[in-house]
Amino acid sequence: MRWLFFIVLAALAWLLWKGLIRVKKTSGDETGAPRASDEQQAAPDDTGSKPGARPRPDEASPPASGHQQQDLPVQNMVSCAYCGAWSPESLAFKQQNQWFCDENHAKAKS
């Protein structure tokens, strides 16, 4: 009976620990730094936007690679006849009207 008490105690401690971790993640960043107060967030800065506010889509910065989304070519995706994995058509191998993700899979299927 004593071992049952310790199992229940351990389970409660684990649940408490998981709950505290969840609260910490939702209340601030992972380093535990305090969040800015509501008054500081409500005060406008020189740009007219709130600190921590997300930019609107028209104000969003371009992708890190420097390419606009419209510049990227659209590629068809094909499923490997051997394993079922999806690959871009430009990287896949075609053999007897079947697509393969790898040369080894093309050889194994033939």
N, C-alpha and C. Protein backbone atom coordinates (compact mmCIF):
# COMPACT_ATOMS: atom_id res chain seq x y z
N MET A 1 0.81 -1.19 0.00
CA MET A 1 0.00 0.00 0.00
C MET A 1 0.86 1.26 0.00
N ARG A 2 2.02 1.16 0.63
CA ARG A 2 2.91 2.31 0.70
C ARG A 2 3.45 2.68 -0.68
N TRP A 3 3.73 1.68 -1.53
CA TRP A 3 4.25 1.94 -2.88
C TRP A 3 3.21 2.66 -3.74
N LEU A 4 1.94 2.39 -3.53
CA LEU A 4 0.88 3.07 -4.27
C LEU A 4 0.87 4.56 -3.93
N PHE A 5 1.08 4.89 -2.66
CA PHE A 5 1.15 6.29 -2.23
C PHE A 5 2.29 7.01 -2.95
N PHE A 6 3.46 6.38 -3.06
CA PHE A 6 4.59 7.02 -3.72
C PHE A 6 4.37 7.16 -5.24
N ILE A 7 3.69 6.22 -5.84
CA ILE A 7 3.39 6.33 -7.27
C ILE A 7 2.44 7.51 -7.53
N VAL A 8 1.42 7.64 -6.71
CA VAL A 8 0.48 8.75 -6.85
C VAL A 8 1.20 10.07 -6.59
N LEU A 9 2.05 10.13 -5.59
CA LEU A 9 2.81 11.33 -5.28
C LEU A 9 3.72 11.72 -6.45
N ALA A 10 4.39 10.74 -7.05
CA ALA A 10 5.26 11.01 -8.19
C ALA A 10 4.45 11.52 -9.39
N ALA A 11 3.28 10.93 -9.61
CA ALA A 11 2.44 11.37 -10.72
C ALA A 11 1.97 12.80 -10.52
N LEU A 12 1.59 13.17 -9.33
CA LEU A 12 1.17 14.54 -9.05
C LEU A 12 2.33 15.52 -9.22
N ALA A 13 3.51 15.14 -8.78
CA ALA A 13 4.68 16.00 -8.95
C ALA A 13 4.99 16.20 -10.42
N TRP A 14 4.87 15.16 -11.22
CA TRP A 14 5.13 15.27 -12.66
C TRP A 14 4.12 16.20 -13.32
N LEU A 15 2.84 16.04 -12.96
CA LEU A 15 1.80 16.91 -13.54
C LEU A 15 2.02 18.37 -13.15
N LEU A 16 2.40 18.61 -11.93
CA LEU A 16 2.70 19.97 -11.49
C LEU A 16 3.87 20.55 -12.26
N TRP A 17 4.92 19.78 -12.45
CA TRP A 17 6.10 20.22 -13.18
C TRP A 17 5.75 20.56 -14.63
N LYS A 18 4.98 19.68 -15.30
CA LYS A 18 4.57 19.94 -16.68
C LYS A 18 3.70 21.19 -16.78
N GLY A 19 2.83 21.41 -15.82
CA GLY A 19 1.99 22.60 -15.81
C GLY A 19 2.79 23.87 -15.65
N LEU A 20 3.80 23.84 -14.79
CA LEU A 20 4.65 25.01 -14.61
C LEU A 20 5.45 25.33 -15.86
N ILE A 21 5.92 24.31 -16.56
CA ILE A 21 6.65 24.53 -17.80
C ILE A 21 5.74 25.16 -18.84
N ARG A 22 4.50 24.68 -18.94
CA ARG A 22 3.55 25.22 -19.90
C ARG A 22 3.24 26.68 -19.60
N VAL A 23 3.06 27.03 -18.32
CA VAL A 23 2.78 28.40 -17.93
C VAL A 23 3.97 29.29 -18.25
N LYS A 24 5.17 28.80 -18.01
CA LYS A 24 6.37 29.59 -18.27
C LYS A 24 6.52 29.88 -19.75
N LYS A 25 6.22 28.89 -20.61
CA LYS A 25 6.34 29.09 -22.05
C LYS A 25 5.32 30.08 -22.57
N THR A 26 4.11 30.07 -22.03
CA THR A 26 3.06 30.96 -22.53
C THR A 26 3.17 32.36 -21.96
N SER A 27 3.81 32.54 -20.80
CA SER A 27 3.87 33.86 -20.19
C SER A 27 5.05 34.69 -20.65
N GLY A 28 6.04 34.12 -21.25
CA GLY A 28 7.21 34.88 -21.69
C GLY A 28 8.09 34.03 -22.54
N ASP A 29 9.27 34.57 -22.84
CA ASP A 29 10.18 33.77 -23.65
C ASP A 29 10.82 32.69 -22.80
N GLU A 30 11.59 31.81 -23.42
CA GLU A 30 12.13 30.65 -22.74
C GLU A 30 13.22 30.99 -21.74
N THR A 31 13.79 32.20 -21.84
CA THR A 31 14.85 32.57 -20.91
C THR A 31 14.29 33.03 -19.58
N GLY A 32 12.97 33.22 -19.52
CA GLY A 32 12.36 33.64 -18.27
C GLY A 32 12.41 35.14 -18.07
N ALA A 33 12.77 35.93 -19.09
CA ALA A 33 12.81 37.37 -18.98
C ALA A 33 11.41 37.91 -18.80
N PRO A 34 11.24 38.92 -17.95
CA PRO A 34 9.90 39.45 -17.74
C PRO A 34 9.38 40.13 -19.00
N ARG A 35 8.08 40.06 -19.19
CA ARG A 35 7.44 40.69 -20.33
C ARG A 35 7.21 42.15 -20.04
N ALA A 36 7.11 42.95 -21.10
CA ALA A 36 6.83 44.36 -20.93
C ALA A 36 5.42 44.53 -20.39
N SER A 37 5.21 45.56 -19.59
CA SER A 37 3.89 45.76 -19.02
C SER A 37 2.91 46.20 -20.10
N ASP A 38 1.64 46.11 -19.79
CA ASP A 38 0.61 46.49 -20.75
C ASP A 38 0.70 47.96 -21.12
N GLU A 39 1.10 48.80 -20.17
CA GLU A 39 1.22 50.23 -20.46
C GLU A 39 2.32 50.49 -21.47
N GLN A 40 3.44 49.79 -21.36
CA GLN A 40 4.53 49.97 -22.31
C GLN A 40 4.14 49.48 -23.68
N GLN A 41 3.37 48.40 -23.75
CA GLN A 41 2.96 47.87 -25.05
C GLN A 41 1.95 48.78 -25.71
N ALA A 42 1.11 49.46 -24.92
CA ALA A 42 0.07 50.31 -25.49
C ALA A 42 0.62 51.64 -25.97
N ALA A 43 1.78 52.08 -25.45
CA ALA A 43 2.34 53.36 -25.85
C ALA A 43 2.94 53.26 -27.24
N PRO A 44 2.55 54.18 -28.14
CA PRO A 44 3.10 54.12 -29.50
C PRO A 44 4.53 54.62 -29.54
N ASP A 45 5.33 54.07 -30.44
CA ASP A 45 6.70 54.57 -30.64
C ASP A 45 6.71 55.47 -31.85
N ASP A 46 7.94 55.88 -32.33
CA ASP A 46 8.02 56.83 -33.44
C ASP A 46 7.46 56.26 -34.74
N THR A 47 7.48 54.95 -34.92
CA THR A 47 6.99 54.38 -36.17
C THR A 47 5.48 54.23 -36.17
N GLY A 48 4.84 54.41 -35.03
CA GLY A 48 3.39 54.32 -34.96
C GLY A 48 2.88 52.91 -34.74
N SER A 49 3.77 51.94 -34.54
CA SER A 49 3.31 50.58 -34.30
C SER A 49 3.66 50.19 -32.87
N LYS A 50 2.96 49.22 -32.36
CA LYS A 50 3.18 48.76 -31.00
C LYS A 50 4.39 47.84 -30.94
N PRO A 51 5.17 47.90 -29.85
CA PRO A 51 6.27 46.95 -29.72
C PRO A 51 5.74 45.53 -29.63
N GLY A 52 6.37 44.64 -30.32
CA GLY A 52 5.96 43.25 -30.30
C GLY A 52 4.81 42.94 -31.24
N ALA A 53 4.26 43.96 -31.90
CA ALA A 53 3.15 43.72 -32.83
C ALA A 53 3.70 43.14 -34.13
N ARG A 54 2.93 42.27 -34.73
CA ARG A 54 3.35 41.68 -36.00
C ARG A 54 3.14 42.67 -37.13
N PRO A 55 4.04 42.69 -38.11
CA PRO A 55 3.83 43.60 -39.24
C PRO A 55 2.69 43.09 -40.11
N ARG A 56 2.01 44.01 -40.76
CA ARG A 56 0.96 43.63 -41.68
C ARG A 56 1.61 42.96 -42.89
N PRO A 57 0.87 42.15 -43.63
CA PRO A 57 1.45 41.46 -44.78
C PRO A 57 2.11 42.39 -45.79
N ASP A 58 1.54 43.59 -45.99
CA ASP A 58 2.14 44.51 -46.94
C ASP A 58 3.41 45.15 -46.40
N GLU A 59 3.63 45.10 -45.08
CA GLU A 59 4.84 45.64 -44.47
C GLU A 59 5.88 44.57 -44.19
N ALA A 60 5.57 43.31 -44.47
CA ALA A 60 6.47 42.21 -44.13
C ALA A 60 7.77 42.32 -44.91
N SER A 61 8.84 41.89 -44.29
CA SER A 61 10.14 41.93 -44.95
C SER A 61 10.22 40.82 -45.99
N PRO A 62 11.07 41.00 -47.02
CA PRO A 62 11.19 39.96 -48.04
C PRO A 62 11.85 38.72 -47.46
N PRO A 63 11.69 37.58 -48.11
CA PRO A 63 12.32 36.35 -47.62
C PRO A 63 13.83 36.51 -47.49
N ALA A 64 14.44 35.73 -46.61
CA ALA A 64 15.87 35.85 -46.33
C ALA A 64 16.73 35.59 -47.55
N SER A 65 16.28 34.76 -48.47
CA SER A 65 17.09 34.43 -49.63
C SER A 65 17.14 35.57 -50.64
N GLY A 66 16.31 36.59 -50.48
CA GLY A 66 16.30 37.73 -51.38
C GLY A 66 15.36 37.55 -52.55
N HIS A 67 14.74 36.40 -52.70
CA HIS A 67 13.81 36.15 -53.79
C HIS A 67 12.40 36.49 -53.35
N GLN A 68 11.66 37.09 -54.23
CA GLN A 68 10.25 37.29 -53.97
C GLN A 68 9.54 35.98 -54.20
N GLN A 69 8.41 35.78 -53.58
CA GLN A 69 7.70 34.53 -53.70
C GLN A 69 7.27 34.29 -55.14
N GLN A 70 6.98 35.34 -55.90
CA GLN A 70 6.55 35.18 -57.27
C GLN A 70 7.70 34.72 -58.18
N ASP A 71 8.95 34.96 -57.77
CA ASP A 71 10.10 34.60 -58.60
C ASP A 71 10.40 33.11 -58.56
N LEU A 72 9.93 32.40 -57.56
CA LEU A 72 10.25 30.99 -57.43
C LEU A 72 9.41 30.17 -58.39
N PRO A 73 10.04 29.25 -59.12
CA PRO A 73 9.28 28.45 -60.08
C PRO A 73 8.40 27.41 -59.38
N VAL A 74 7.27 27.14 -59.97
CA VAL A 74 6.37 26.12 -59.45
C VAL A 74 6.81 24.78 -60.02
N GLN A 75 6.94 23.78 -59.15
CA GLN A 75 7.37 22.46 -59.59
C GLN A 75 6.28 21.44 -59.28
N ASN A 76 6.11 20.50 -60.19
CA ASN A 76 5.20 19.40 -59.95
C ASN A 76 5.86 18.40 -59.01
N MET A 77 5.07 17.85 -58.12
CA MET A 77 5.57 16.83 -57.20
C MET A 77 5.10 15.47 -57.71
N VAL A 78 6.00 14.49 -57.63
CA VAL A 78 5.68 13.14 -58.09
C VAL A 78 5.96 12.16 -56.95
N SER A 79 5.20 11.08 -56.93
CA SER A 79 5.33 10.07 -55.90
C SER A 79 6.21 8.92 -56.40
N CYS A 80 7.12 8.48 -55.56
CA CYS A 80 8.00 7.37 -55.91
C CYS A 80 7.19 6.08 -56.01
N ALA A 81 7.36 5.35 -57.11
CA ALA A 81 6.63 4.10 -57.31
C ALA A 81 7.14 3.00 -56.38
N TYR A 82 8.30 3.18 -55.79
CA TYR A 82 8.88 2.16 -54.91
C TYR A 82 8.50 2.39 -53.44
N CYS A 83 8.74 3.62 -52.94
CA CYS A 83 8.51 3.87 -51.51
C CYS A 83 7.37 4.84 -51.23
N GLY A 84 6.88 5.55 -52.25
CA GLY A 84 5.77 6.46 -52.06
C GLY A 84 6.16 7.86 -51.63
N ALA A 85 7.46 8.14 -51.48
CA ALA A 85 7.90 9.47 -51.07
C ALA A 85 7.66 10.47 -52.20
N TRP A 86 7.35 11.71 -51.83
CA TRP A 86 7.10 12.75 -52.82
C TRP A 86 8.39 13.52 -53.06
N SER A 87 8.68 13.79 -54.36
CA SER A 87 9.87 14.53 -54.75
C SER A 87 9.49 15.51 -55.84
N PRO A 88 10.24 16.62 -55.97
CA PRO A 88 10.00 17.51 -57.10
C PRO A 88 10.34 16.78 -58.40
N GLU A 89 9.60 17.07 -59.44
CA GLU A 89 9.80 16.39 -60.71
C GLU A 89 11.22 16.59 -61.25
N SER A 90 11.82 17.76 -60.94
CA SER A 90 13.16 18.05 -61.43
C SER A 90 14.22 17.16 -60.78
N LEU A 91 13.95 16.61 -59.60
CA LEU A 91 14.92 15.76 -58.90
C LEU A 91 14.60 14.28 -59.01
N ALA A 92 13.42 13.95 -59.54
CA ALA A 92 13.00 12.55 -59.61
C ALA A 92 13.50 11.89 -60.89
N PHE A 93 13.47 10.57 -60.88
CA PHE A 93 13.89 9.79 -62.04
C PHE A 93 12.67 9.12 -62.65
N LYS A 94 12.56 9.19 -63.99
CA LYS A 94 11.42 8.58 -64.66
C LYS A 94 11.92 7.36 -65.42
N GLN A 95 11.23 6.24 -65.22
CA GLN A 95 11.60 5.00 -65.87
C GLN A 95 10.31 4.24 -66.20
N GLN A 96 10.08 3.98 -67.47
CA GLN A 96 8.91 3.26 -67.94
C GLN A 96 7.61 3.87 -67.40
N ASN A 97 7.46 5.18 -67.56
CA ASN A 97 6.29 5.94 -67.14
C ASN A 97 6.02 5.87 -65.64
N GLN A 98 7.04 5.58 -64.84
CA GLN A 98 6.93 5.60 -63.39
C GLN A 98 8.01 6.53 -62.84
N TRP A 99 7.69 7.22 -61.77
CA TRP A 99 8.62 8.15 -61.14
C TRP A 99 9.23 7.49 -59.90
N PHE A 100 10.53 7.79 -59.68
CA PHE A 100 11.27 7.27 -58.53
C PHE A 100 12.03 8.41 -57.87
N CYS A 101 12.18 8.35 -56.56
CA CYS A 101 12.89 9.40 -55.84
C CYS A 101 14.40 9.22 -55.88
N ASP A 102 14.85 8.04 -56.26
CA ASP A 102 16.28 7.72 -56.20
C ASP A 102 16.60 6.71 -57.30
N GLU A 103 17.84 6.75 -57.77
CA GLU A 103 18.26 5.78 -58.79
C GLU A 103 18.19 4.35 -58.26
N ASN A 104 18.51 4.17 -56.99
CA ASN A 104 18.46 2.83 -56.39
C ASN A 104 17.04 2.27 -56.41
N HIS A 105 16.05 3.12 -56.17
CA HIS A 105 14.67 2.66 -56.20
C HIS A 105 14.24 2.33 -57.62
N ALA A 106 14.73 3.08 -58.60
CA ALA A 106 14.41 2.79 -60.00
C ALA A 106 15.01 1.44 -60.41
N LYS A 107 16.23 1.19 -59.95
CA LYS A 107 16.88 -0.10 -60.27
C LYS A 107 16.19 -1.26 -59.55
N ALA A 108 15.80 -1.03 -58.32
CA ALA A 108 15.17 -2.10 -57.54
C ALA A 108 13.80 -2.48 -58.09
N LYS A 109 13.08 -1.54 -58.67
CA LYS A 109 11.75 -1.80 -59.18
C LYS A 109 11.80 -2.53 -60.53
N SER A 110 12.88 -2.35 -61.29
CA SER A 110 12.96 -2.97 -62.63
C SER A 110 13.40 -4.40 -62.62
